[in-house]
């Protein structure tokens, strides 16, 4: 996150403690707490923005913000001694959750999907360090300036950039109250990608 913020990604910048540390350990009885702090994002949660304030320009700005973040993250190399973030199928994230596979049909379908995903290329243009939980509860929008701020990077891992895009598309369709979800999905994705591609090229292969 420091790398992202120092390269002008629109995220909540980590703050140092009075001791100059990024985190502090606090003991309370038998419990141990790790405390961190970040800049306060301006605006309001994207998921609370009224639908009548949604616009093509807003969708483009969200895409542009995420595209810039991906482009910057693509240049990041962990320093020696820094723990490398996990791959998308390691650790806990919404793409790698333990689910009830008691139904054989569901278990088989999930296995086939994961098998296909594992065949996708991991080239620099399509695969890198991603947010992994980029729903509208983790984005702030300052509507007066149309500024987008991203936060909550605890699930950050290596995965395909389109994973972050897929989460965004899925979540806005949950929030969208209209019945014409297919039409709206096409509009949202067209504008999102229009903004995204100004900051991070994404081939037709990944869009498809």
Protein backbone atom coordinates (compact mmCIF):
# COMPACT_ATOMS: atom_id res chain seq x y z
CA UNK A 1 0.00 0.00 0.00
CA UNK A 2 2.94 2.31 0.61
CA UNK A 3 4.20 1.56 -2.91
CA UNK A 4 0.76 2.30 -4.35
CA UNK A 5 0.29 5.54 -2.40
CA UNK A 6 3.78 6.87 -3.17
CA UNK A 7 3.07 6.31 -6.86
CA UNK A 8 -0.19 8.28 -6.68
CA UNK A 9 -2.70 5.44 -6.60
CA UNK A 10 -5.99 6.64 -5.13
CA UNK A 11 -6.01 4.57 -1.94
CA UNK A 12 -6.04 5.25 1.79
CA UNK A 13 -2.38 5.84 2.67
CA UNK A 14 -0.93 3.91 5.64
CA UNK A 15 0.07 6.15 8.57
CA UNK A 16 3.06 5.71 10.84
CA UNK A 17 2.61 5.52 14.61
CA UNK A 18 4.29 7.95 16.98
CA UNK A 19 7.10 5.39 17.12
CA UNK A 20 7.52 5.52 13.36
CA UNK A 21 6.04 2.06 12.80
CA UNK A 22 3.41 0.84 10.36
CA UNK A 23 1.88 -1.34 13.06
CA UNK A 24 1.94 -1.54 16.83
CA UNK A 25 1.42 -4.56 19.04
CA UNK A 26 -0.82 -4.04 22.06
CA UNK A 27 -1.14 -6.64 24.79
CA UNK A 28 -4.27 -6.78 26.89
CA UNK A 29 -4.34 -9.69 29.28
CA UNK A 30 -3.88 -12.86 27.26
CA UNK A 31 -4.83 -11.10 24.02
CA UNK A 32 -2.47 -9.50 21.51
CA UNK A 33 -3.72 -6.87 19.06
CA UNK A 34 -2.05 -5.57 15.92
CA UNK A 35 -3.05 -1.93 15.37
CA UNK A 36 -2.73 -0.04 12.09
CA UNK A 37 -3.99 3.34 10.90
CA UNK A 38 -4.79 4.86 7.53
CA UNK A 39 -5.77 8.22 6.11
CA UNK A 40 -9.49 8.90 6.22
CA UNK A 41 -11.10 8.66 2.79
CA UNK A 42 -13.24 11.59 1.73
CA UNK A 43 -16.81 11.13 0.56
CA UNK A 44 -19.15 8.25 1.25
CA UNK A 45 -19.32 4.52 0.62
CA UNK A 46 -20.01 3.77 -3.03
CA UNK A 47 -22.67 1.23 -2.08
CA UNK A 48 -24.63 4.01 -0.33
CA UNK A 49 -24.60 6.39 -3.31
CA UNK A 50 -28.19 6.85 -4.60
CA UNK A 51 -28.83 5.25 -7.98
CA UNK A 52 -29.88 8.61 -9.45
CA UNK A 53 -26.30 9.79 -8.91
CA UNK A 54 -24.80 6.94 -10.92
CA UNK A 55 -23.45 8.05 -14.28
CA UNK A 56 -21.29 6.87 -17.16
CA UNK A 57 -18.61 9.34 -16.03
CA UNK A 58 -18.62 7.82 -12.54
CA UNK A 59 -18.27 4.29 -13.92
CA UNK A 60 -15.37 5.46 -16.10
CA UNK A 61 -13.68 7.07 -13.11
CA UNK A 62 -13.98 3.87 -11.09
CA UNK A 63 -12.43 1.91 -13.95
CA UNK A 64 -9.69 4.52 -14.38
CA UNK A 65 -8.84 4.37 -10.67
CA UNK A 66 -8.63 0.59 -10.64
CA UNK A 67 -6.67 0.52 -13.90
CA UNK A 68 -4.09 2.93 -12.50
CA UNK A 69 -3.81 0.87 -9.30
CA UNK A 70 -3.22 -2.32 -11.33
CA UNK A 71 -0.63 -0.61 -13.54
CA UNK A 72 1.31 0.62 -10.48
CA UNK A 73 1.04 -2.74 -8.70
CA UNK A 74 2.45 -4.39 -11.81
CA UNK A 75 5.73 -2.57 -11.22
CA UNK A 76 6.01 -3.67 -7.60
CA UNK A 77 8.61 -6.20 -6.50
CA UNK A 78 8.66 -7.18 -2.81
CA UNK A 79 11.87 -6.16 -1.08
CA UNK A 80 14.13 -8.83 0.37
CA UNK A 81 12.66 -10.03 3.65
CA UNK A 82 9.14 -8.79 2.86
CA UNK A 83 6.49 -11.50 2.94
CA UNK A 84 5.07 -12.10 -0.53
CA UNK A 85 1.30 -12.00 -0.79
CA UNK A 86 -0.37 -15.35 -1.60
CA UNK A 87 -1.69 -16.49 -4.96
CA UNK A 88 -5.47 -16.24 -5.52
CA UNK A 89 -6.01 -19.92 -4.69
CA UNK A 90 -4.06 -19.74 -1.43
CA UNK A 91 -5.30 -18.27 1.84
CA UNK A 92 -8.74 -16.86 2.40
CA UNK A 93 -10.46 -14.63 -0.15
CA UNK A 94 -13.77 -14.63 -1.96
CA UNK A 95 -12.27 -16.60 -4.86
CA UNK A 96 -10.93 -19.31 -2.58
CA UNK A 97 -13.56 -19.85 0.09
CA UNK A 98 -14.44 -23.19 1.59
CA UNK A 99 -17.97 -23.98 0.48
CA UNK A 100 -20.38 -26.81 1.20
CA UNK A 101 -19.60 -29.38 -1.45
CA UNK A 102 -22.03 -31.96 -0.13
CA UNK A 103 -23.96 -31.80 -3.39
CA UNK A 104 -22.04 -33.82 -5.96
CA UNK A 105 -23.26 -31.70 -8.90
CA UNK A 106 -22.04 -28.48 -7.28
CA UNK A 107 -18.72 -30.02 -6.30
CA UNK A 108 -18.14 -31.30 -9.85
CA UNK A 109 -19.00 -27.95 -11.41
CA UNK A 110 -16.70 -26.06 -9.06
CA UNK A 111 -13.86 -28.49 -9.78
CA UNK A 112 -14.29 -28.07 -13.54
CA UNK A 113 -14.37 -24.27 -13.28
CA UNK A 114 -11.21 -24.19 -11.17
CA UNK A 115 -9.51 -26.58 -13.59
CA UNK A 116 -10.30 -24.22 -16.47
CA UNK A 117 -9.17 -21.14 -14.54
CA UNK A 118 -5.82 -22.78 -13.84
CA UNK A 119 -5.19 -23.02 -17.61
CA UNK A 120 -5.38 -19.23 -18.08
CA UNK A 121 -2.06 -17.54 -18.87
CA UNK A 122 -0.31 -15.62 -16.11
CA UNK A 123 1.31 -13.00 -18.30
CA UNK A 124 2.31 -9.58 -16.95
CA UNK A 125 -0.48 -7.88 -18.89
CA UNK A 126 -3.23 -9.90 -17.26
CA UNK A 127 -1.92 -11.23 -13.96
CA UNK A 128 -0.47 -9.45 -10.95
CA UNK A 129 -1.12 -8.09 -7.49
CA UNK A 130 -4.83 -7.37 -7.10
CA UNK A 131 -7.20 -6.10 -4.40
CA UNK A 132 -9.38 -9.26 -4.53
CA UNK A 133 -12.28 -7.75 -2.56
CA UNK A 134 -13.13 -4.73 -4.69
CA UNK A 135 -16.86 -4.47 -4.02
CA UNK A 136 -18.63 -1.15 -3.47
CA UNK A 137 -18.28 -1.40 0.30
CA UNK A 138 -14.53 -0.92 -0.14
CA UNK A 139 -14.70 2.20 -2.31
CA UNK A 140 -15.37 5.77 -1.26
CA UNK A 141 -16.75 8.32 -3.71
CA UNK A 142 -16.41 12.05 -3.21
CA UNK A 143 -19.26 13.03 -5.50
CA UNK A 144 -18.44 16.72 -5.60
CA UNK A 145 -15.09 15.98 -7.26
CA UNK A 146 -15.96 12.48 -8.54
CA UNK A 147 -12.89 11.22 -6.67
CA UNK A 148 -12.58 7.48 -6.06
CA UNK A 149 -10.66 6.12 -3.05
CA UNK A 150 -9.97 2.40 -2.54
CA UNK A 151 -9.34 0.81 0.85
CA UNK A 152 -9.37 -2.52 2.77
CA UNK A 153 -6.45 -4.43 1.21
CA UNK A 154 -6.28 -7.29 3.71
CA UNK A 155 -7.26 -9.89 1.07
CA UNK A 156 -4.71 -8.60 -1.45
CA UNK A 157 -3.13 -11.43 -3.46
CA UNK A 158 -1.77 -12.35 -6.88
CA UNK A 159 -4.49 -13.01 -9.41
CA UNK A 160 -5.90 -11.94 -12.75
CA UNK A 161 -6.83 -8.28 -13.06
CA UNK A 162 -10.23 -9.27 -14.40
CA UNK A 163 -10.99 -10.77 -10.99
CA UNK A 164 -11.20 -7.26 -9.53
CA UNK A 165 -13.34 -6.19 -12.48
CA UNK A 166 -15.65 -9.19 -12.05
CA UNK A 167 -16.23 -8.39 -8.37
CA UNK A 168 -17.13 -4.81 -9.25
CA UNK A 169 -19.58 -5.92 -11.94
CA UNK A 170 -21.15 -8.55 -9.70
CA UNK A 171 -21.62 -6.14 -6.80
CA UNK A 172 -23.14 -3.28 -8.76
CA UNK A 173 -25.67 -5.72 -10.20
CA UNK A 174 -26.60 -6.67 -6.64
CA UNK A 175 -27.12 -2.97 -5.89
CA UNK A 176 -28.93 -2.15 -9.15
CA UNK A 177 -32.71 -2.21 -8.56
CA UNK A 178 -33.83 -2.41 -12.19
CA UNK A 179 -35.10 -5.50 -14.00
CA UNK A 180 -32.94 -4.85 -17.09
CA UNK A 181 -29.76 -6.14 -15.46
CA UNK A 182 -28.22 -7.41 -18.71
CA UNK A 183 -28.60 -4.02 -20.37
CA UNK A 184 -27.24 -2.21 -17.34
CA UNK A 185 -24.34 -4.68 -17.00
CA UNK A 186 -23.29 -3.95 -20.59
CA UNK A 187 -23.47 -0.20 -19.97
CA UNK A 188 -21.50 -0.40 -16.74
CA UNK A 189 -18.79 -2.66 -18.14
CA UNK A 190 -18.41 -0.61 -21.33
CA UNK A 191 -17.81 2.59 -19.35
CA UNK A 192 -15.70 0.90 -16.67
CA UNK A 193 -13.37 -0.57 -19.32
CA UNK A 194 -13.28 2.73 -21.21
CA UNK A 195 -11.79 4.33 -18.10
CA UNK A 196 -9.70 1.31 -17.09
CA UNK A 197 -7.93 1.05 -20.43
CA UNK A 198 -6.72 4.64 -20.28
CA UNK A 199 -4.47 3.54 -17.40
CA UNK A 200 -3.87 -0.17 -17.91
CA UNK A 201 -4.16 -1.91 -21.30
CA UNK A 202 -6.40 -4.96 -21.21
CA UNK A 203 -6.67 -7.18 -24.28
CA UNK A 204 -9.91 -8.42 -25.79
CA UNK A 205 -8.91 -11.91 -24.63
CA UNK A 206 -9.35 -10.91 -20.98
CA UNK A 207 -12.51 -8.93 -21.60
CA UNK A 208 -14.08 -11.91 -23.32
